[in-house]
Amino acid sequence: MKGIIFTEFFDMVEQKFGYEMVDTLLNESDLPSGGIYTTVGTYDHKEMVNLLVTLNQKTEIPLSLLLQTFGRYLFQKFTEIYSHLIHKAPDAFTFLGSIDNYIHVEVKKLYPDAELPHFAIERLDDNTLVMNYLSIRKMPDLAYGLIEGAMLHFGEKATITQELLTQDGSHVKFVIIKQYAGNRNS
């Protein structure tokens, strides 16, 4: 897992829970790296799992909610860091549909050793997008939060459902249905 994910995680933890919590996570989590991360470094994703488990134990916030919250936070950060990639899309579905064929290709140019999740996309109609998430890291709740972050960024509302296709969370189907305010025919 790229170090930028770790550094942004600690930024989020500091914003939401204070520096003392960051210190607690660094001291009480099993971190073979010693908790020293650079944005371009690569680290075992199990360290992120350890950090999340410790944060869950300290806050009693469910792991799924912590990951979704981090996903939303991370997407907002990505809009600042990678604005040149994100702002090319006119709407959330266009952006989400471009993740594997454009966004991840560009990310791989920056970080050739990045191990990214795979998203198989199926656009059923103008209002429905199906995203099949496949990842050895098994963090579909993070993906859920990133999807929510994309919808928020583009000012769109949607209902997002997720269905585990494998029990371990390595393959999950997301169905995203846009919601419209008021009557579209008026």
Protein backbone atom coordinates (compact mmCIF):
# COMPACT_ATOMS: atom_id res chain seq x y z
CA MET A 1 0.00 0.00 0.00
CA LYS A 2 1.40 3.39 -0.95
CA GLY A 3 2.59 5.65 1.83
CA ILE A 4 0.29 8.47 0.76
CA ILE A 5 -2.63 6.38 2.07
CA PHE A 6 -0.94 6.16 5.48
CA THR A 7 0.01 9.84 5.64
CA GLU A 8 -3.52 10.91 4.70
CA PHE A 9 -4.95 8.46 7.26
CA PHE A 10 -2.89 10.08 10.01
CA ASP A 11 -3.98 13.54 8.82
CA MET A 12 -7.62 12.44 9.07
CA VAL A 13 -7.10 10.91 12.52
CA GLU A 14 -5.45 14.09 13.75
CA GLN A 15 -8.29 16.25 12.38
CA LYS A 16 -11.06 14.07 13.80
CA PHE A 17 -9.53 12.74 17.02
CA GLY A 18 -6.48 14.89 17.80
CA TYR A 19 -2.75 14.35 17.78
CA GLU A 20 -2.91 12.27 20.96
CA MET A 21 -4.83 9.61 19.03
CA VAL A 22 -2.18 9.59 16.30
CA ASP A 23 0.45 9.07 18.99
CA THR A 24 -1.62 6.28 20.55
CA LEU A 25 -2.01 4.53 17.19
CA LEU A 26 1.72 4.73 16.51
CA ASN A 27 2.60 3.39 19.96
CA GLU A 28 -0.05 0.70 20.34
CA SER A 29 -0.32 -0.77 16.82
CA ASP A 30 1.89 -3.54 15.48
CA LEU A 31 3.82 -1.63 12.78
CA PRO A 32 6.84 -3.41 11.29
CA SER A 33 7.77 -0.12 9.55
CA GLY A 34 7.95 1.58 12.93
CA GLY A 35 5.16 3.91 11.86
CA ILE A 36 7.47 5.93 9.63
CA TYR A 37 5.81 6.53 6.26
CA THR A 38 6.75 8.54 3.20
CA THR A 39 4.13 9.35 0.58
CA VAL A 40 6.05 7.49 -2.14
CA GLY A 41 7.04 4.48 -0.03
CA THR A 42 5.29 1.12 -0.18
CA TYR A 43 4.13 -0.61 3.01
CA ASP A 44 2.29 -3.77 3.93
CA HIS A 45 -1.45 -3.13 3.93
CA LYS A 46 -1.64 -5.15 7.16
CA GLU A 47 -0.17 -2.12 8.91
CA MET A 48 -3.25 -0.14 7.86
CA VAL A 49 -5.44 -2.94 9.17
CA ASN A 50 -3.56 -2.83 12.49
CA LEU A 51 -4.01 0.94 12.70
CA LEU A 52 -7.72 0.66 11.96
CA VAL A 53 -8.21 -2.09 14.55
CA THR A 54 -6.44 0.02 17.19
CA LEU A 55 -8.54 3.07 16.23
CA ASN A 56 -11.68 0.93 16.46
CA GLN A 57 -10.68 -0.29 19.92
CA LYS A 58 -9.97 3.26 21.16
CA THR A 59 -13.06 4.93 19.65
CA GLU A 60 -15.53 2.00 19.53
CA ILE A 61 -16.50 3.19 16.04
CA PRO A 62 -17.19 0.17 13.78
CA LEU A 63 -14.38 -0.67 11.36
CA SER A 64 -16.74 -0.36 8.38
CA LEU A 65 -17.67 3.19 9.39
CA LEU A 66 -14.02 4.14 9.99
CA LEU A 67 -13.09 2.89 6.51
CA GLN A 68 -16.04 4.65 4.85
CA THR A 69 -15.17 7.89 6.64
CA PHE A 70 -11.56 7.56 5.56
CA GLY A 71 -12.66 6.87 1.98
CA ARG A 72 -14.71 10.08 1.85
CA TYR A 73 -11.81 12.02 3.40
CA LEU A 74 -9.32 10.45 1.00
CA PHE A 75 -11.37 11.31 -2.06
CA GLN A 76 -11.55 14.94 -0.96
CA LYS A 77 -7.75 14.92 -0.59
CA PHE A 78 -7.36 13.29 -4.00
CA THR A 79 -9.39 16.15 -5.53
CA GLU A 80 -6.65 18.49 -4.27
CA ILE A 81 -3.64 16.31 -5.10
CA TYR A 82 -4.88 14.88 -8.41
CA SER A 83 -7.25 17.63 -9.53
CA HIS A 84 -5.91 17.37 -13.09
CA LEU A 85 -7.25 13.80 -13.26
CA ILE A 86 -10.54 14.24 -11.45
CA HIS A 87 -11.75 17.51 -12.92
CA LYS A 88 -11.67 16.13 -16.46
CA ALA A 89 -14.86 14.18 -15.73
CA PRO A 90 -18.18 16.05 -16.09
CA ASP A 91 -20.01 13.90 -13.53
CA ALA A 92 -19.55 11.15 -10.96
CA PHE A 93 -20.52 8.23 -13.20
CA THR A 94 -18.08 9.31 -15.90
CA PHE A 95 -15.36 9.61 -13.29
CA LEU A 96 -16.14 6.27 -11.61
CA GLY A 97 -16.31 4.59 -15.02
CA SER A 98 -12.81 5.85 -15.83
CA ILE A 99 -11.04 4.51 -12.75
CA ASP A 100 -9.44 1.39 -14.25
CA ASN A 101 -8.89 2.61 -17.80
CA TYR A 102 -7.68 6.13 -17.04
CA ILE A 103 -7.20 7.04 -13.37
CA HIS A 104 -5.32 3.88 -12.39
CA VAL A 105 -3.22 4.07 -15.58
CA GLU A 106 -2.14 7.58 -14.57
CA VAL A 107 -1.51 6.51 -10.97
CA LYS A 108 0.70 3.67 -12.23
CA LYS A 109 2.78 6.23 -14.13
CA LEU A 110 3.44 8.03 -10.83
CA TYR A 111 3.75 4.88 -8.71
CA PRO A 112 4.75 1.93 -10.95
CA ASP A 113 4.80 -0.49 -8.00
CA ALA A 114 1.30 0.45 -6.79
CA GLU A 115 -1.03 -2.54 -6.34
CA LEU A 116 -4.42 -1.06 -7.13
CA PRO A 117 -7.84 -2.63 -6.83
CA HIS A 118 -9.65 -3.53 -10.04
CA PHE A 119 -13.09 -2.18 -10.90
CA ALA A 120 -15.21 -3.81 -13.59
CA ILE A 121 -17.82 -1.23 -14.60
CA GLU A 122 -21.24 -1.74 -16.10
CA ARG A 123 -23.45 1.25 -16.81
CA LEU A 124 -27.00 -0.10 -16.89
CA ASP A 125 -28.60 3.24 -17.79
CA ASP A 126 -28.12 6.97 -17.16
CA ASN A 127 -28.99 6.53 -13.49
CA THR A 128 -27.46 3.15 -12.59
CA LEU A 129 -23.83 2.13 -12.40
CA VAL A 130 -22.54 -1.26 -11.25
CA MET A 131 -18.97 -1.47 -10.00
CA ASN A 132 -17.39 -4.84 -9.26
CA TYR A 133 -14.53 -4.31 -6.82
CA LEU A 134 -11.71 -6.86 -6.77
CA SER A 135 -8.82 -6.44 -4.37
CA ILE A 136 -6.41 -8.62 -2.44
CA ARG A 137 -6.58 -6.01 0.35
CA LYS A 138 -10.25 -6.71 1.00
CA MET A 139 -11.24 -3.15 1.92
CA PRO A 140 -14.60 -2.66 0.19
CA ASP A 141 -15.72 -0.19 2.87
CA LEU A 142 -12.86 2.09 1.85
CA ALA A 143 -14.05 1.81 -1.77
CA TYR A 144 -17.60 2.58 -0.59
CA GLY A 145 -16.35 5.77 1.08
CA LEU A 146 -14.40 6.76 -2.03
CA ILE A 147 -17.56 6.27 -4.14
CA GLU A 148 -19.50 8.44 -1.67
CA GLY A 149 -16.73 11.02 -1.85
CA ALA A 150 -16.96 11.09 -5.65
CA MET A 151 -20.73 11.56 -5.53
CA LEU A 152 -20.33 14.42 -3.03
CA HIS A 153 -17.55 16.03 -5.07
CA PHE A 154 -19.71 16.12 -8.18
CA GLY A 155 -22.73 17.34 -6.19
CA GLU A 156 -24.79 14.25 -6.94
CA LYS A 157 -26.87 12.11 -4.64
CA ALA A 158 -27.11 8.36 -4.94
CA THR A 159 -28.14 5.22 -3.18
CA ILE A 160 -25.18 2.87 -2.92
CA THR A 161 -25.65 -0.79 -2.11
CA GLN A 162 -22.93 -3.35 -1.75
CA GLU A 163 -23.12 -7.11 -2.07
CA LEU A 164 -20.33 -9.41 -0.97
CA LEU A 165 -19.56 -11.80 -3.81
CA THR A 166 -16.85 -13.50 -1.78
CA GLN A 167 -17.08 -13.88 1.98
CA ASP A 168 -13.62 -12.37 2.55
CA GLY A 169 -14.50 -9.04 0.89
CA SER A 170 -12.08 -9.43 -2.01
CA HIS A 171 -14.94 -9.23 -4.55
CA VAL A 172 -17.85 -6.89 -3.91
CA LYS A 173 -20.54 -5.58 -6.20
CA PHE A 174 -21.60 -1.95 -5.73
CA VAL A 175 -24.81 -0.72 -7.31
CA ILE A 176 -25.06 3.06 -7.47
CA ILE A 177 -28.41 4.61 -8.35
CA LYS A 178 -28.55 8.37 -8.83
CA GLN A 179 -31.26 10.24 -7.01
CA TYR A 180 -32.74 13.44 -8.35
CA ALA A 181 -34.26 16.28 -6.37
CA GLY A 182 -37.76 17.05 -7.50
CA ASN A 183 -39.38 15.93 -10.71
CA ARG A 184 -36.99 15.56 -13.63
CA ASN A 185 -39.79 16.10 -16.12
CA SER A 186 -40.69 19.59 -14.95
